PDB file of N, CA and C in Angstrom:
ATOM      1  N   MET A   1      81.132 181.410 161.649  1.00  0.00           N
ATOM      2  CA  MET A   1      79.861 180.720 161.561  1.00  0.00           C
ATOM      3  C   MET A   1      79.773 179.672 162.662  1.00  0.00           C
ATOM      4  N   SER A   2      78.592 179.520 163.163  1.00  0.00           N
ATOM      5  CA  SER A   2      78.391 178.505 164.188  1.00  0.00           C
ATOM      6  C   SER A   2      78.182 177.143 163.528  1.00  0.00           C
ATOM      7  N   LEU A   3      78.177 176.114 164.352  1.00  0.00           N
ATOM      8  CA  LEU A   3      77.987 174.757 163.862  1.00  0.00           C
ATOM      9  C   LEU A   3      76.635 174.622 163.168  1.00  0.00           C
ATOM     10  N   TRP A   4      75.580 175.203 163.734  1.00  0.00           N
ATOM     11  CA  TRP A   4      74.241 175.079 163.164  1.00  0.00           C
ATOM     12  C   TRP A   4      74.128 175.802 161.828  1.00  0.00           C
ATOM     13  N   GLU A   5      74.777 176.936 161.716  1.00  0.00           N
ATOM     14  CA  GLU A   5      74.761 177.649 160.434  1.00  0.00           C
ATOM     15  C   GLU A   5      75.487 176.839 159.353  1.00  0.00           C
ATOM     16  N   THR A   6      76.576 176.223 159.736  1.00  0.00           N
ATOM     17  CA  THR A   6      77.315 175.394 158.798  1.00  0.00           C
ATOM     18  C   THR A   6      76.481 174.199 158.361  1.00  0.00           C
ATOM     19  N   LEU A   7      75.859 173.509 159.302  1.00  0.00           N
ATOM     20  CA  LEU A   7      75.020 172.363 158.972  1.00  0.00           C
ATOM     21  C   LEU A   7      73.819 172.763 158.124  1.00  0.00           C
ATOM     22  N   LEU A   8      73.218 173.914 158.432  1.00  0.00           N
ATOM     23  CA  LEU A   8      72.094 174.407 157.646  1.00  0.00           C
ATOM     24  C   LEU A   8      72.541 174.737 156.214  1.00  0.00           C
ATOM     25  N   GLY A   9      73.708 175.331 156.070  1.00  0.00           N
ATOM     26  CA  GLY A   9      74.247 175.635 154.738  1.00  0.00           C
ATOM     27  C   GLY A   9      74.511 174.375 153.938  1.00  0.00           C
ATOM     28  N   ILE A  10      75.100 173.364 154.572  1.00  0.00           N
ATOM     29  CA  ILE A  10      75.371 172.093 153.889  1.00  0.00           C
ATOM     30  C   ILE A  10      74.069 171.416 153.480  1.00  0.00           C
ATOM     31  N   ALA A  11      73.086 171.391 154.386  1.00  0.00           N
ATOM     32  CA  ALA A  11      71.796 170.775 154.078  1.00  0.00           C
ATOM     33  C   ALA A  11      71.096 171.525 152.942  1.00  0.00           C
ATOM     34  N   GLY A  12      71.160 172.845 152.950  1.00  0.00           N
ATOM     35  CA  GLY A  12      70.548 173.643 151.882  1.00  0.00           C
ATOM     36  C   GLY A  12      71.196 173.378 150.539  1.00  0.00           C
ATOM     37  N   MET A  13      72.526 173.320 150.514  1.00  0.00           N
ATOM     38  CA  MET A  13      73.221 173.041 149.255  1.00  0.00           C
ATOM     39  C   MET A  13      72.908 171.633 148.756  1.00  0.00           C
ATOM     40  N   ALA A  14      72.817 170.667 149.675  1.00  0.00           N
ATOM     41  CA  ALA A  14      72.480 169.295 149.282  1.00  0.00           C
ATOM     42  C   ALA A  14      71.076 169.246 148.690  1.00  0.00           C
ATOM     43  N   LEU A  15      70.134 169.950 149.291  1.00  0.00           N
ATOM     44  CA  LEU A  15      68.765 169.973 148.789  1.00  0.00           C
ATOM     45  C   LEU A  15      68.705 170.597 147.401  1.00  0.00           C
ATOM     46  N   ILE A  16      69.375 171.709 147.208  1.00  0.00           N
ATOM     47  CA  ILE A  16      69.396 172.364 145.896  1.00  0.00           C
ATOM     48  C   ILE A  16      70.034 171.451 144.855  1.00  0.00           C
ATOM     49  N   THR A  17      71.109 170.768 145.229  1.00  0.00           N
ATOM     50  CA  THR A  17      71.773 169.856 144.299  1.00  0.00           C
ATOM     51  C   THR A  17      70.853 168.717 143.901  1.00  0.00           C
ATOM     52  N   VAL A  18      70.179 168.115 144.868  1.00  0.00           N
ATOM     53  CA  VAL A  18      69.274 166.995 144.570  1.00  0.00           C
ATOM     54  C   VAL A  18      68.127 167.469 143.675  1.00  0.00           C
ATOM     55  N   LEU A  19      67.576 168.634 143.949  1.00  0.00           N
ATOM     56  CA  LEU A  19      66.466 169.125 143.135  1.00  0.00           C
ATOM     57  C   LEU A  19      66.895 169.446 141.708  1.00  0.00           C
ATOM     58  N   THR A  20      68.029 170.102 141.545  1.00  0.00           N
ATOM     59  CA  THR A  20      68.448 170.468 140.192  1.00  0.00           C
ATOM     60  C   THR A  20      68.915 169.259 139.391  1.00  0.00           C
ATOM     61  N   ARG A  21      69.596 168.329 140.016  1.00  0.00           N
ATOM     62  CA  ARG A  21      70.071 167.153 139.283  1.00  0.00           C
ATOM     63  C   ARG A  21      68.969 166.121 139.077  1.00  0.00           C
ATOM     64  N   GLY A  22      68.009 166.106 139.948  1.00  0.00           N
ATOM     65  CA  GLY A  22      66.922 165.137 139.835  1.00  0.00           C
ATOM     66  C   GLY A  22      65.680 165.694 139.172  1.00  0.00           C
ATOM     67  N   PHE A  23      65.796 166.864 138.527  1.00  0.00           N
ATOM     68  CA  PHE A  23      64.644 167.525 137.922  1.00  0.00           C
ATOM     69  C   PHE A  23      63.897 166.617 136.961  1.00  0.00           C
ATOM     70  N   PHE A  24      64.638 165.850 136.144  1.00  0.00           N
ATOM     71  CA  PHE A  24      63.981 164.988 135.174  1.00  0.00           C
ATOM     72  C   PHE A  24      63.588 163.637 135.771  1.00  0.00           C
ATOM     73  N   LEU A  25      64.033 163.331 136.988  1.00  0.00           N
ATOM     74  CA  LEU A  25      63.701 162.046 137.606  1.00  0.00           C
ATOM     75  C   LEU A  25      62.510 162.141 138.550  1.00  0.00           C
ATOM     76  N   ILE A  26      62.187 163.338 139.014  1.00  0.00           N
ATOM     77  CA  ILE A  26      61.127 163.515 140.010  1.00  0.00           C
ATOM     78  C   ILE A  26      59.731 163.290 139.431  1.00  0.00           C
ATOM     79  N   PRO A  27      59.386 163.835 138.250  1.00  0.00           N
ATOM     80  CA  PRO A  27      58.019 163.636 137.739  1.00  0.00           C
ATOM     81  C   PRO A  27      57.716 162.169 137.468  1.00  0.00           C
ATOM     82  N   GLU A  28      56.441 161.810 137.624  1.00  0.00           N
ATOM     83  CA  GLU A  28      56.040 160.423 137.399  1.00  0.00           C
ATOM     84  C   GLU A  28      55.976 160.079 135.915  1.00  0.00           C
ATOM     85  N   ARG A  29      55.701 161.068 135.095  1.00  0.00           N
ATOM     86  CA  ARG A  29      55.667 160.823 133.654  1.00  0.00           C
ATOM     87  C   ARG A  29      56.724 161.705 132.982  1.00  0.00           C
ATOM     88  N   GLU A  30      57.029 161.377 131.758  1.00  0.00           N
ATOM     89  CA  GLU A  30      58.071 162.092 131.025  1.00  0.00           C
ATOM     90  C   GLU A  30      57.668 163.547 130.790  1.00  0.00           C
ATOM     91  N   VAL A  31      58.615 164.441 130.970  1.00  0.00           N
ATOM     92  CA  VAL A  31      58.375 165.859 130.753  1.00  0.00           C
ATOM     93  C   VAL A  31      58.323 166.103 129.247  1.00  0.00           C
ATOM     94  N   PRO A  32      57.247 166.735 128.756  1.00  0.00           N
ATOM     95  CA  PRO A  32      57.167 166.966 127.316  1.00  0.00           C
ATOM     96  C   PRO A  32      58.232 167.983 126.868  1.00  0.00           C
ATOM     97  N   MET A  33      58.928 167.625 125.805  1.00  0.00           N
ATOM     98  CA  MET A  33      59.978 168.482 125.260  1.00  0.00           C
ATOM     99  C   MET A  33      59.858 168.487 123.747  1.00  0.00           C
ATOM    100  N   PRO A  34      60.152 169.618 123.127  1.00  0.00           N
ATOM    101  CA  PRO A  34      60.182 169.611 121.659  1.00  0.00           C
ATOM    102  C   PRO A  34      61.318 168.723 121.161  1.00  0.00           C
ATOM    103  N   ASP A  35      61.155 168.191 119.973  1.00  0.00           N
ATOM    104  CA  ASP A  35      62.163 167.290 119.412  1.00  0.00           C
ATOM    105  C   ASP A  35      63.515 167.971 119.251  1.00  0.00           C
ATOM    106  N   TRP A  36      63.515 169.260 118.885  1.00  0.00           N
ATOM    107  CA  TRP A  36      64.787 169.961 118.683  1.00  0.00           C
ATOM    108  C   TRP A  36      65.555 170.080 120.002  1.00  0.00           C
ATOM    109  N   LEU A  37      64.833 170.251 121.127  1.00  0.00           N
ATOM    110  CA  LEU A  37      65.497 170.332 122.423  1.00  0.00           C
ATOM    111  C   LEU A  37      66.034 168.972 122.844  1.00  0.00           C
ATOM    112  N   ARG A  38      65.267 167.931 122.623  1.00  0.00           N
ATOM    113  CA  ARG A  38      65.707 166.570 122.952  1.00  0.00           C
ATOM    114  C   ARG A  38      66.957 166.201 122.155  1.00  0.00           C
ATOM    115  N   ASP A  39      66.974 166.558 120.863  1.00  0.00           N
ATOM    116  CA  ASP A  39      68.151 166.295 120.038  1.00  0.00           C
ATOM    117  C   ASP A  39      69.354 167.095 120.515  1.00  0.00           C
ATOM    118  N   GLY A  40      69.129 168.340 120.904  1.00  0.00           N
ATOM    119  CA  GLY A  40      70.219 169.178 121.397  1.00  0.00           C
ATOM    120  C   GLY A  40      70.801 168.671 122.702  1.00  0.00           C
ATOM    121  N   LEU A  41      69.968 168.150 123.571  1.00  0.00           N
ATOM    122  CA  LEU A  41      70.444 167.645 124.865  1.00  0.00           C
ATOM    123  C   LEU A  41      71.291 166.385 124.720  1.00  0.00           C
ATOM    124  N   ARG A  42      71.168 165.690 123.596  1.00  0.00           N
ATOM    125  CA  ARG A  42      72.023 164.521 123.368  1.00  0.00           C
ATOM    126  C   ARG A  42      73.494 164.920 123.276  1.00  0.00           C
ATOM    127  N   TYR A  43      73.753 166.126 122.775  1.00  0.00           N
ATOM    128  CA  TYR A  43      75.128 166.573 122.563  1.00  0.00           C
ATOM    129  C   TYR A  43      75.685 167.368 123.738  1.00  0.00           C
ATOM    130  N   ALA A  44      74.893 167.630 124.745  1.00  0.00           N
ATOM    131  CA  ALA A  44      75.339 168.446 125.882  1.00  0.00           C
ATOM    132  C   ALA A  44      76.527 167.834 126.633  1.00  0.00           C
ATOM    133  N   PRO A  45      76.541 166.533 126.952  1.00  0.00           N
ATOM    134  CA  PRO A  45      77.711 165.991 127.658  1.00  0.00           C
ATOM    135  C   PRO A  45      78.994 166.099 126.844  1.00  0.00           C
ATOM    136  N   LEU A  46      78.919 165.854 125.543  1.00  0.00           N
ATOM    137  CA  LEU A  46      80.096 165.975 124.689  1.00  0.00           C
ATOM    138  C   LEU A  46      80.583 167.416 124.625  1.00  0.00           C
ATOM    139  N   ALA A  47      79.660 168.360 124.530  1.00  0.00           N
ATOM    140  CA  ALA A  47      80.039 169.771 124.476  1.00  0.00           C
ATOM    141  C   ALA A  47      80.667 170.215 125.798  1.00  0.00           C
ATOM    142  N   ALA A  48      80.123 169.759 126.912  1.00  0.00           N
ATOM    143  CA  ALA A  48      80.691 170.120 128.217  1.00  0.00           C
ATOM    144  C   ALA A  48      82.086 169.531 128.385  1.00  0.00           C
ATOM    145  N   LEU A  49      82.272 168.298 127.971  1.00  0.00           N
ATOM    146  CA  LEU A  49      83.587 167.664 128.057  1.00  0.00           C
ATOM    147  C   LEU A  49      84.598 168.400 127.187  1.00  0.00           C
ATOM    148  N   ALA A  50      84.199 168.743 125.974  1.00  0.00           N
ATOM    149  CA  ALA A  50      85.101 169.480 125.082  1.00  0.00           C
ATOM    150  C   ALA A  50      85.442 170.849 125.657  1.00  0.00           C
ATOM    151  N   ALA A  51      84.479 171.507 126.288  1.00  0.00           N
ATOM    152  CA  ALA A  51      84.729 172.828 126.866  1.00  0.00           C
ATOM    153  C   ALA A  51      85.724 172.775 128.016  1.00  0.00           C
ATOM    154  N   VAL A  52      85.813 171.649 128.682  1.00  0.00           N
ATOM    155  CA  VAL A  52      86.759 171.503 129.786  1.00  0.00           C
ATOM    156  C   VAL A  52      88.115 171.002 129.297  1.00  0.00           C
ATOM    157  N   ILE A  53      88.123 170.046 128.387  1.00  0.00           N
ATOM    158  CA  ILE A  53      89.360 169.386 127.965  1.00  0.00           C
ATOM    159  C   ILE A  53      90.176 170.222 126.974  1.00  0.00           C
ATOM    160  N   VAL A  54      89.539 170.795 125.971  1.00  0.00           N
ATOM    161  CA  VAL A  54      90.278 171.500 124.912  1.00  0.00           C
ATOM    162  C   VAL A  54      91.156 172.630 125.456  1.00  0.00           C
ATOM    163  N   PRO A  55      90.666 173.502 126.333  1.00  0.00           N
ATOM    164  CA  PRO A  55      91.569 174.538 126.859  1.00  0.00           C
ATOM    165  C   PRO A  55      92.761 173.971 127.622  1.00  0.00           C
ATOM    166  N   GLU A  56      92.585 172.829 128.282  1.00  0.00           N
ATOM    167  CA  GLU A  56      93.699 172.210 128.993  1.00  0.00           C
ATOM    168  C   GLU A  56      94.771 171.703 128.035  1.00  0.00           C
ATOM    169  N   ILE A  57      94.362 171.356 126.825  1.00  0.00           N
ATOM    170  CA  ILE A  57      95.306 170.818 125.851  1.00  0.00           C
ATOM    171  C   ILE A  57      96.037 171.933 125.108  1.00  0.00           C
ATOM    172  N   VAL A  58      95.333 172.979 124.717  1.00  0.00           N
ATOM    173  CA  VAL A  58      95.927 173.982 123.831  1.00  0.00           C
ATOM    174  C   VAL A  58      96.348 175.274 124.530  1.00  0.00           C
ATOM    175  N   MET A  59      96.172 175.369 125.845  1.00  0.00           N
ATOM    176  CA  MET A  59      96.532 176.606 126.544  1.00  0.00           C
ATOM    177  C   MET A  59      97.444 176.326 127.732  1.00  0.00           C
ATOM    178  N   THR A  60      98.321 177.293 128.005  1.00  0.00           N
ATOM    179  CA  THR A  60      99.181 177.258 129.176  1.00  0.00           C
ATOM    180  C   THR A  60      99.142 178.630 129.822  1.00  0.00           C
ATOM    181  N   GLN A  61      98.762 178.696 131.062  1.00  0.00           N
ATOM    182  CA  GLN A  61      98.672 179.934 131.826  1.00  0.00           C
ATOM    183  C   GLN A  61      97.871 181.006 131.092  1.00  0.00           C
ATOM    184  N   GLY A  62      96.741 180.599 130.503  1.00  0.00           N
ATOM    185  CA  GLY A  62      95.839 181.535 129.855  1.00  0.00           C
ATOM    186  C   GLY A  62      96.231 181.947 128.453  1.00  0.00           C
ATOM    187  N   GLU A  63      97.275 181.388 127.893  1.00  0.00           N
ATOM    188  CA  GLU A  63      97.698 181.718 126.539  1.00  0.00           C
ATOM    189  C   GLU A  63      97.813 180.439 125.711  1.00  0.00           C
ATOM    190  N   LEU A  64      97.621 180.589 124.401  1.00  0.00           N
ATOM    191  CA  LEU A  64      97.751 179.430 123.521  1.00  0.00           C
ATOM    192  C   LEU A  64      99.178 178.903 123.550  1.00  0.00           C
ATOM    193  N   VAL A  65      99.310 177.613 123.404  1.00  0.00           N
ATOM    194  CA  VAL A  65     100.624 176.983 123.355  1.00  0.00           C
ATOM    195  C   VAL A  65     101.358 177.522 122.125  1.00  0.00           C
ATOM    196  N   SER A  66     102.569 178.006 122.323  1.00  0.00           N
ATOM    197  CA  SER A  66     103.295 178.655 121.232  1.00  0.00           C
ATOM    198  C   SER A  66     104.413 177.784 120.657  1.00  0.00           C
ATOM    199  N   THR A  67     104.571 176.587 121.162  1.00  0.00           N
ATOM    200  CA  THR A  67     105.636 175.710 120.677  1.00  0.00           C
ATOM    201  C   THR A  67     105.099 174.312 120.441  1.00  0.00           C
ATOM    202  N   TRP A  68     105.777 173.586 119.562  1.00  0.00           N
ATOM    203  CA  TRP A  68     105.404 172.200 119.322  1.00  0.00           C
ATOM    204  C   TRP A  68     106.014 171.277 120.366  1.00  0.00           C
ATOM    205  N   LYS A  69     106.855 171.821 121.239  1.00  0.00           N
ATOM    206  CA  LYS A  69     107.477 171.012 122.293  1.00  0.00           C
ATOM    207  C   LYS A  69     106.562 170.954 123.524  1.00  0.00           C
ATOM    208  N   ASP A  70     105.353 170.526 123.316  1.00  0.00           N
ATOM    209  CA  ASP A  70     104.392 170.376 124.402  1.00  0.00           C
ATOM    210  C   ASP A  70     103.872 168.947 124.360  1.00  0.00           C
ATOM    211  N   ALA A  71     104.121 168.208 125.406  1.00  0.00           N
ATOM    212  CA  ALA A  71     103.775 166.788 125.452  1.00  0.00           C
ATOM    213  C   ALA A  71     102.271 166.554 125.327  1.00  0.00           C
ATOM    214  N   ARG A  72     101.470 167.511 125.760  1.00  0.00           N
ATOM    215  CA  ARG A  72     100.021 167.330 125.707  1.00  0.00           C
ATOM    216  C   ARG A  72      99.514 167.195 124.280  1.00  0.00           C
ATOM    217  N   LEU A  73     100.114 167.926 123.352  1.00  0.00           N
ATOM    218  CA  LEU A  73      99.684 167.863 121.956  1.00  0.00           C
ATOM    219  C   LEU A  73      99.923 166.476 121.370  1.00  0.00           C
ATOM    220  N   TYR A  74     101.098 165.923 121.602  1.00  0.00           N
ATOM    221  CA  TYR A  74     101.432 164.597 121.079  1.00  0.00           C
ATOM    222  C   TYR A  74     100.644 163.503 121.792  1.00  0.00           C
ATOM    223  N   ALA A  75     100.465 163.637 123.091  1.00  0.00           N
ATOM    224  CA  ALA A  75      99.682 162.643 123.833  1.00  0.00           C
ATOM    225  C   ALA A  75      98.233 162.634 123.347  1.00  0.00           C
ATOM    226  N   THR A  76      97.693 163.803 123.067  1.00  0.00           N
ATOM    227  CA  THR A  76      96.331 163.888 122.550  1.00  0.00           C
ATOM    228  C   THR A  76      96.226 163.258 121.172  1.00  0.00           C
ATOM    229  N   ALA A  77      97.203 163.523 120.322  1.00  0.00           N
ATOM    230  CA  ALA A  77      97.189 162.947 118.973  1.00  0.00           C
ATOM    231  C   ALA A  77      97.275 161.426 119.024  1.00  0.00           C
ATOM    232  N   VAL A  78      98.158 160.894 119.855  1.00  0.00           N
ATOM    233  CA  VAL A  78      98.304 159.434 119.963  1.00  0.00           C
ATOM    234  C   VAL A  78      97.049 158.809 120.564  1.00  0.00           C
ATOM    235  N   ALA A  79      96.506 159.414 121.603  1.00  0.00           N
ATOM    236  CA  ALA A  79      95.299 158.873 122.230  1.00  0.00           C
ATOM    237  C   ALA A  79      94.117 158.907 121.264  1.00  0.00           C
ATOM    238  N   THR A  80      93.988 159.975 120.501  1.00  0.00           N
ATOM    239  CA  THR A  80      92.905 160.067 119.522  1.00  0.00           C
ATOM    240  C   THR A  80      93.065 159.011 118.433  1.00  0.00           C
ATOM    241  N   ALA A  81      94.281 158.858 117.943  1.00  0.00           N
ATOM    242  CA  ALA A  81      94.534 157.839 116.921  1.00  0.00           C
ATOM    243  C   ALA A  81      94.223 156.442 117.458  1.00  0.00           C
ATOM    244  N   TYR A  82      94.631 156.166 118.690  1.00  0.00           N
ATOM    245  CA  TYR A  82      94.358 154.852 119.278  1.00  0.00           C
ATOM    246  C   TYR A  82      92.850 154.616 119.401  1.00  0.00           C
ATOM    247  N   PHE A  83      92.134 155.650 119.833  1.00  0.00           N
ATOM    248  CA  PHE A  83      90.688 155.477 119.993  1.00  0.00           C
ATOM    249  C   PHE A  83      90.022 155.162 118.662  1.00  0.00           C
ATOM    250  N   PHE A  84      90.379 155.873 117.606  1.00  0.00           N
ATOM    251  CA  PHE A  84      89.761 155.611 116.306  1.00  0.00           C
ATOM    252  C   PHE A  84      90.215 154.279 115.715  1.00  0.00           C
ATOM    253  N   TRP A  85      91.378 153.773 116.146  1.00  0.00           N
ATOM    254  CA  TRP A  85      91.865 152.496 115.668  1.00  0.00           C
ATOM    255  C   TRP A  85      91.183 151.339 116.381  1.00  0.00           C
ATOM    256  N   LYS A  86      91.160 151.367 117.728  1.00  0.00           N
ATOM    257  CA  LYS A  86      90.645 150.236 118.523  1.00  0.00           C
ATOM    258  C   LYS A  86      89.297 150.461 119.185  1.00  0.00           C
ATOM    259  N   ARG A  87      88.891 151.724 119.340  1.00  0.00           N
ATOM    260  CA  ARG A  87      87.628 152.073 120.018  1.00  0.00           C
ATOM    261  C   ARG A  87      87.600 151.637 121.480  1.00  0.00           C
ATOM    262  N   GLY A  88      88.748 151.656 122.147  1.00  0.00           N
ATOM    263  CA  GLY A  88      88.807 151.261 123.548  1.00  0.00           C
ATOM    264  C   GLY A  88      89.209 152.424 124.440  1.00  0.00           C
ATOM    265  N   ILE A  89      88.460 152.631 125.496  1.00  0.00           N
ATOM    266  CA  ILE A  89      88.728 153.752 126.393  1.00  0.00           C
ATOM    267  C   ILE A  89      89.999 153.528 127.202  1.00  0.00           C
ATOM    268  N   LEU A  90      90.171 152.338 127.769  1.00  0.00           N
ATOM    269  CA  LEU A  90      91.347 152.077 128.601  1.00  0.00           C
ATOM    270  C   LEU A  90      92.634 152.228 127.793  1.00  0.00           C
ATOM    271  N   GLY A  91      92.671 151.673 126.612  1.00  0.00           N
ATOM    272  CA  GLY A  91      93.845 151.814 125.759  1.00  0.00           C
ATOM    273  C   GLY A  91      94.107 153.251 125.369  1.00  0.00           C
ATOM    274  N   THR A  92      93.050 154.015 125.171  1.00  0.00           N
ATOM    275  CA  THR A  92      93.185 155.433 124.852  1.00  0.00           C
ATOM    276  C   THR A  92      93.868 156.170 125.990  1.00  0.00           C
ATOM    277  N   ILE A  93      93.404 155.923 127.202  1.00  0.00           N
ATOM    278  CA  ILE A  93      93.988 156.581 128.378  1.00  0.00           C
ATOM    279  C   ILE A  93      95.439 156.155 128.562  1.00  0.00           C
ATOM    280  N   VAL A  94      95.697 154.865 128.450  1.00  0.00           N
ATOM    281  CA  VAL A  94      97.058 154.351 128.652  1.00  0.00           C
ATOM    282  C   VAL A  94      98.008 154.876 127.588  1.00  0.00           C
ATOM    283  N   SER A  95      97.601 154.853 126.323  1.00  0.00           N
ATOM    284  CA  SER A  95      98.499 155.317 125.261  1.00  0.00           C
ATOM    285  C   SER A  95      98.814 156.802 125.400  1.00  0.00           C
ATOM    286  N   GLY A  96      97.823 157.604 125.697  1.00  0.00           N
ATOM    287  CA  GLY A  96      98.063 159.033 125.900  1.00  0.00           C
ATOM    288  C   GLY A  96      98.958 159.297 127.090  1.00  0.00           C
ATOM    289  N   THR A  97      98.741 158.561 128.172  1.00  0.00           N
ATOM    290  CA  THR A  97      99.555 158.738 129.377  1.00  0.00           C
ATOM    291  C   THR A  97     100.992 158.312 129.141  1.00  0.00           C
ATOM    292  N   VAL A  98     101.195 157.209 128.433  1.00  0.00           N
ATOM    293  CA  VAL A  98     102.552 156.734 128.148  1.00  0.00           C
ATOM    294  C   VAL A  98     103.319 157.768 127.325  1.00  0.00           C
ATOM    295  N   VAL A  99     102.687 158.307 126.295  1.00  0.00           N
ATOM    296  CA  VAL A  99     103.354 159.318 125.468  1.00  0.00           C
ATOM    297  C   VAL A  99     103.645 160.570 126.283  1.00  0.00           C
ATOM    298  N   MET A 100     102.688 160.997 127.088  1.00  0.00           N
ATOM    299  CA  MET A 100     102.881 162.198 127.907  1.00  0.00           C
ATOM    300  C   MET A 100     104.046 162.013 128.871  1.00  0.00           C
ATOM    301  N   LEU A 101     104.085 160.881 129.566  1.00  0.00           N
ATOM    302  CA  LEU A 101     105.157 160.647 130.524  1.00  0.00           C
ATOM    303  C   LEU A 101     106.509 160.485 129.816  1.00  0.00           C
ATOM    304  N   ALA A 102     106.516 159.806 128.684  1.00  0.00           N
ATOM    305  CA  ALA A 102     107.770 159.618 127.957  1.00  0.00           C
ATOM    306  C   ALA A 102     108.351 160.972 127.510  1.00  0.00           C
ATOM    307  N   LEU A 103     107.509 161.837 127.018  1.00  0.00           N
ATOM    308  CA  LEU A 103     107.997 163.142 126.558  1.00  0.00           C
ATOM    309  C   LEU A 103     108.378 164.061 127.719  1.00  0.00           C
ATOM    310  N   ARG A 104     107.595 164.011 128.791  1.00  0.00           N
ATOM    311  CA  ARG A 104     107.901 164.877 129.942  1.00  0.00           C
ATOM    312  C   ARG A 104     109.126 164.397 130.712  1.00  0.00           C
ATOM    313  N   ILE A 105     109.185 163.110 130.984  1.00  0.00           N
ATOM    314  CA  ILE A 105     110.310 162.580 131.763  1.00  0.00           C
ATOM    315  C   ILE A 105     111.526 162.366 130.877  1.00  0.00           C
ATOM    316  N   GLY A 106     111.311 161.775 129.702  1.00  0.00           N
ATOM    317  CA  GLY A 106     112.429 161.459 128.822  1.00  0.00           C
ATOM    318  C   GLY A 106     113.074 162.671 128.180  1.00  0.00           C
ATOM    319  N   LEU A 107     112.261 163.576 127.649  1.00  0.00           N
ATOM    320  CA  LEU A 107     112.795 164.738 126.957  1.00  0.00           C
ATOM    321  C   LEU A 107     112.705 166.045 127.749  1.00  0.00           C
ATOM    322  N   GLY A 108     112.019 165.994 128.870  1.00  0.00           N
ATOM    323  CA  GLY A 108     111.912 167.183 129.712  1.00  0.00           C
ATOM    324  C   GLY A 108     110.943 168.239 129.201  1.00  0.00           C
ATOM    325  N   TRP A 109     110.001 167.843 128.367  1.00  0.00           N
ATOM    326  CA  TRP A 109     109.019 168.792 127.851  1.00  0.00           C
ATOM    327  C   TRP A 109     108.029 169.076 128.932  1.00  0.00           C
TER     328      TRP A 109
END
């Protein structure tokens, strides 16, 4: 590809990205939506996050984790417990990371 084709491709992708992500920001007034759709869109970020995170926790190389000697399971449990106890994001991340590193480095899991 030439330089101009590359620049044109980058500019085209940037334009498509701005249009698709800014779809709800471009109109001057609010886009009318049924209440059921508005309620459903509230849960979309949580569903997308779960769709990305859960397979990383319970799967290894495309298969379900077959042993309890997996640091990710314990780190997830500790981080979840911490979040429900204190409701703090930073502490959740730190507690999960500490458990994960302790089990991986300390026990070799």
